[in-house]
Amino acid sequence: MPWEPSDGLILTLLALVLLFVYLLLRQFTGRKPPTQRKPPAQGRPSVRRQPLPEYKRPPVRPKPHVRRKRTPENSPYAVVDGSNVMHWRDNTPDLGPVIATVDILQARGYRTGVIFDANAGYKLTDRYQDDAQLAYLLGLPATDVFVVPRGQQADPFLLDFASKSDAIVVSNDRFRDRIADYPALSAPGRLIRGGWQDGRVNLTLPEA
């Protein structure tokens, strides 16, 4: 009687063939059989995110003024007490009155320099500003703006420069403690007062 395979053997051989085909396909396609994802753990506390810090707007900084043309070298000189003039509008630090004062002086034909105390930058922009930085904001060459060294007052520098250059001084400070050392500056028309009125700067300039 010829041998006939049993049904169980046929099923086993079929299973081996299918397994061989599966392994062969896996080798060529590179795909892995899908794995069942683990269900999320129950009862896990949610992460509490901290609120974002409040945005703080940086301090407003004055925009640079339009660069001016140089006044002729043989023009009379005017030196501006920048730390005094910048308080002329509402007694609040502001370069607006300084810029307006320089514009008036240059329109009248004066070569203009500006001298500041060392803390002027902190009052204007909350940080130190040197000669070049304040000159840029005023639209002046860096050589026409001077910030005195820290720990020193601007008055001696201003009066000494005005005396040596025969300049007028624009300031509401009377320099009572120092003016005696510079008698020439006590002459009429050397100390120029001014102020902010009706949205503009007014100066008591001598008649040309």
Protein backbone atom coordinates (compact mmCIF):
# COMPACT_ATOMS: atom_id res chain seq x y z
CA MET A 1 0.00 0.00 0.00
CA PRO A 2 1.57 3.31 -1.07
CA TRP A 3 2.44 5.87 1.67
CA GLU A 4 0.22 8.90 1.93
CA PRO A 5 1.04 11.94 4.06
CA SER A 6 -1.32 12.69 6.85
CA ASP A 7 -3.32 15.88 7.08
CA GLY A 8 -1.23 17.08 10.04
CA LEU A 9 1.99 16.67 8.12
CA ILE A 10 0.55 18.59 5.15
CA LEU A 11 -0.47 21.46 7.44
CA THR A 12 2.97 21.51 9.03
CA LEU A 13 4.70 21.64 5.65
CA LEU A 14 2.36 24.42 4.50
CA ALA A 15 3.09 26.42 7.63
CA LEU A 16 6.85 26.03 7.09
CA VAL A 17 6.49 27.20 3.47
CA LEU A 18 4.50 30.28 4.56
CA LEU A 19 7.07 31.06 7.28
CA PHE A 20 9.88 30.76 4.73
CA VAL A 21 8.04 33.10 2.32
CA TYR A 22 7.41 35.59 5.17
CA LEU A 23 11.05 35.61 6.24
CA LEU A 24 12.15 36.00 2.64
CA LEU A 25 9.83 38.98 2.09
CA ARG A 26 10.96 40.57 5.36
CA GLN A 27 14.60 40.28 4.33
CA PHE A 28 14.01 42.07 1.01
CA THR A 29 11.54 44.73 2.15
CA GLY A 30 13.25 45.58 5.47
CA ARG A 31 9.91 46.05 7.20
CA LYS A 32 9.38 44.89 10.70
CA PRO A 33 6.16 43.41 11.84
CA PRO A 34 3.99 45.92 13.59
CA THR A 35 4.25 45.94 17.33
CA GLN A 36 1.42 46.70 19.59
CA ARG A 37 1.82 49.98 21.42
CA LYS A 38 1.56 49.97 25.13
CA PRO A 39 -1.50 51.73 26.42
CA PRO A 40 -0.74 54.99 28.25
CA ALA A 41 -0.24 54.61 31.95
CA GLN A 42 -3.34 55.41 33.89
CA GLY A 43 -3.28 58.00 36.60
CA ARG A 44 -0.04 59.75 35.48
CA PRO A 45 -0.13 63.38 36.64
CA SER A 46 -0.07 65.95 33.82
CA VAL A 47 3.00 68.19 33.54
CA ARG A 48 2.32 71.71 34.84
CA ARG A 49 4.01 74.28 32.65
CA GLN A 50 5.26 77.50 34.20
CA PRO A 51 3.77 80.69 32.72
CA LEU A 52 6.03 82.59 30.35
CA PRO A 53 7.75 85.60 31.89
CA GLU A 54 6.07 88.90 31.19
CA TYR A 55 7.56 90.68 28.17
CA LYS A 56 9.30 93.88 29.13
CA ARG A 57 9.59 96.50 26.43
CA PRO A 58 13.13 97.91 26.22
CA PRO A 59 13.51 101.59 27.14
CA VAL A 60 12.74 103.99 24.34
CA ARG A 61 15.93 105.42 22.88
CA PRO A 62 16.09 108.67 20.94
CA LYS A 63 16.47 108.31 17.21
CA PRO A 64 19.56 109.77 15.56
CA HIS A 65 19.15 113.29 14.27
CA VAL A 66 19.84 114.23 10.67
CA ARG A 67 23.55 114.67 10.02
CA ARG A 68 24.36 118.35 9.59
CA LYS A 69 26.81 120.11 7.35
CA ARG A 70 29.98 121.41 8.98
CA THR A 71 30.04 125.11 9.87
CA PRO A 72 33.01 127.02 8.42
CA GLU A 73 36.13 126.93 10.60
CA ASN A 74 36.27 130.72 10.95
CA SER A 75 32.76 130.93 12.45
CA PRO A 76 32.25 132.02 16.08
CA TYR A 77 32.04 129.19 18.59
CA ALA A 78 29.16 128.23 20.90
CA VAL A 79 29.46 125.55 23.56
CA VAL A 80 26.25 123.98 24.89
CA ASP A 81 25.89 122.69 28.43
CA GLY A 82 24.18 119.49 27.29
CA SER A 83 23.35 118.17 30.76
CA ASN A 84 21.57 121.45 31.55
CA VAL A 85 19.80 122.03 28.23
CA MET A 86 18.47 118.46 28.02
CA HIS A 87 16.23 119.26 31.04
CA TRP A 88 14.64 122.37 29.55
CA ARG A 89 11.46 120.60 28.46
CA ASP A 90 9.38 119.62 31.53
CA ASN A 91 12.60 119.10 33.52
CA THR A 92 12.81 115.61 31.95
CA PRO A 93 16.03 114.30 30.34
CA ASP A 94 15.51 114.64 26.59
CA LEU A 95 17.83 115.34 23.67
CA GLY A 96 15.10 117.30 21.89
CA PRO A 97 16.01 120.67 23.44
CA VAL A 98 19.71 120.03 22.80
CA ILE A 99 19.05 119.25 19.13
CA ALA A 100 16.83 122.33 18.78
CA THR A 101 19.47 124.51 20.44
CA VAL A 102 22.20 123.25 18.12
CA ASP A 103 19.94 123.89 15.12
CA ILE A 104 19.34 127.51 16.22
CA LEU A 105 23.02 128.16 16.86
CA GLN A 106 24.14 126.72 13.55
CA ALA A 107 21.42 128.66 11.71
CA ARG A 108 22.92 131.80 13.27
CA GLY A 109 26.36 130.82 11.99
CA TYR A 110 27.94 129.35 15.14
CA ARG A 111 30.22 126.36 15.23
CA THR A 112 28.71 124.28 18.01
CA GLY A 113 30.09 121.87 20.58
CA VAL A 114 28.19 120.05 23.31
CA ILE A 115 29.56 118.95 26.68
CA PHE A 116 27.78 116.38 28.89
CA ASP A 117 28.26 115.02 32.39
CA ALA A 118 29.28 111.36 32.50
CA ASN A 119 25.80 110.28 33.67
CA ALA A 120 23.93 111.88 30.75
CA GLY A 121 23.62 108.57 28.91
CA TYR A 122 22.10 106.85 31.94
CA LYS A 123 19.49 109.59 32.25
CA LEU A 124 18.64 109.43 28.55
CA THR A 125 18.85 105.71 27.73
CA ASP A 126 19.49 103.85 31.00
CA ARG A 127 23.06 103.06 29.98
CA TYR A 128 26.37 104.84 29.55
CA GLN A 129 26.82 106.78 26.31
CA ASP A 130 30.22 108.00 25.18
CA ASP A 131 31.13 110.95 22.93
CA ALA A 132 30.56 109.09 19.66
CA GLN A 133 27.21 107.62 20.72
CA LEU A 134 25.74 110.94 21.85
CA ALA A 135 27.20 112.66 18.80
CA TYR A 136 25.42 110.13 16.58
CA LEU A 137 22.10 110.85 18.29
CA LEU A 138 22.66 114.60 17.89
CA GLY A 139 23.77 114.36 14.27
CA LEU A 140 27.14 115.93 15.10
CA PRO A 141 30.71 114.79 14.43
CA ALA A 142 32.18 112.92 17.39
CA THR A 143 34.81 115.65 17.71
CA ASP A 144 32.06 118.19 18.55
CA VAL A 145 30.68 116.26 21.55
CA PHE A 146 32.52 115.62 24.80
CA VAL A 147 31.43 113.43 27.75
CA VAL A 148 33.54 114.27 30.79
CA PRO A 149 35.31 111.44 32.64
CA ARG A 150 33.31 109.65 35.32
CA GLY A 151 33.52 111.19 38.75
CA GLN A 152 34.22 114.71 37.42
CA GLN A 153 31.95 117.69 36.83
CA ALA A 154 31.39 119.17 33.40
CA ASP A 155 31.54 122.83 34.51
CA PRO A 156 35.37 123.18 34.62
CA PHE A 157 35.72 121.56 31.19
CA LEU A 158 32.97 123.74 29.73
CA LEU A 159 34.23 127.05 31.14
CA ASP A 160 37.85 126.32 30.31
CA PHE A 161 36.98 125.44 26.71
CA ALA A 162 34.75 128.51 26.32
CA SER A 163 37.46 130.77 27.69
CA LYS A 164 40.20 129.41 25.43
CA SER A 165 38.05 129.33 22.27
CA ASP A 166 36.29 132.68 22.91
CA ALA A 167 32.95 130.84 22.76
CA ILE A 168 29.55 131.77 24.08
CA VAL A 169 28.09 129.35 26.66
CA VAL A 170 24.48 128.17 26.39
CA SER A 171 23.17 127.15 29.82
CA ASN A 172 20.82 128.27 32.55
CA ASP A 173 23.53 127.50 35.09
CA ARG A 174 25.18 130.70 36.36
CA PHE A 175 28.38 128.89 37.45
CA ARG A 176 28.58 131.11 40.53
CA ASP A 177 31.27 128.99 42.22
CA ARG A 178 33.60 129.08 39.21
CA ILE A 179 32.81 132.10 37.03
CA ALA A 180 35.22 134.27 39.03
CA ASP A 181 38.10 132.27 37.57
CA TYR A 182 36.97 133.25 34.07
CA PRO A 183 36.28 137.01 34.15
CA ALA A 184 35.95 137.23 30.36
CA LEU A 185 32.86 135.02 30.52
CA SER A 186 31.13 137.57 32.75
CA ALA A 187 30.95 140.02 29.84
CA PRO A 188 27.48 140.65 28.34
CA GLY A 189 26.52 138.14 25.68
CA ARG A 190 28.91 135.36 26.78
CA LEU A 191 26.50 133.35 28.98
CA ILE A 192 23.33 132.63 27.03
CA ARG A 193 20.16 131.61 28.81
CA GLY A 194 17.22 129.85 27.22
CA GLY A 195 14.21 127.63 27.77
CA TRP A 196 11.42 125.60 26.21
CA GLN A 197 8.29 127.58 25.38
CA ASP A 198 5.34 126.91 23.06
CA GLY A 199 6.95 123.74 21.72
CA ARG A 200 10.32 125.23 20.83
CA VAL A 201 13.57 126.51 22.28
CA ASN A 202 14.05 130.21 22.91
CA LEU A 203 17.56 131.64 23.30
CA THR A 204 18.68 135.11 24.37
CA LEU A 205 21.34 135.32 21.67
CA PRO A 206 23.21 138.58 21.18
CA GLU A 207 22.39 140.52 18.06
CA ALA A 208 24.72 139.75 15.18
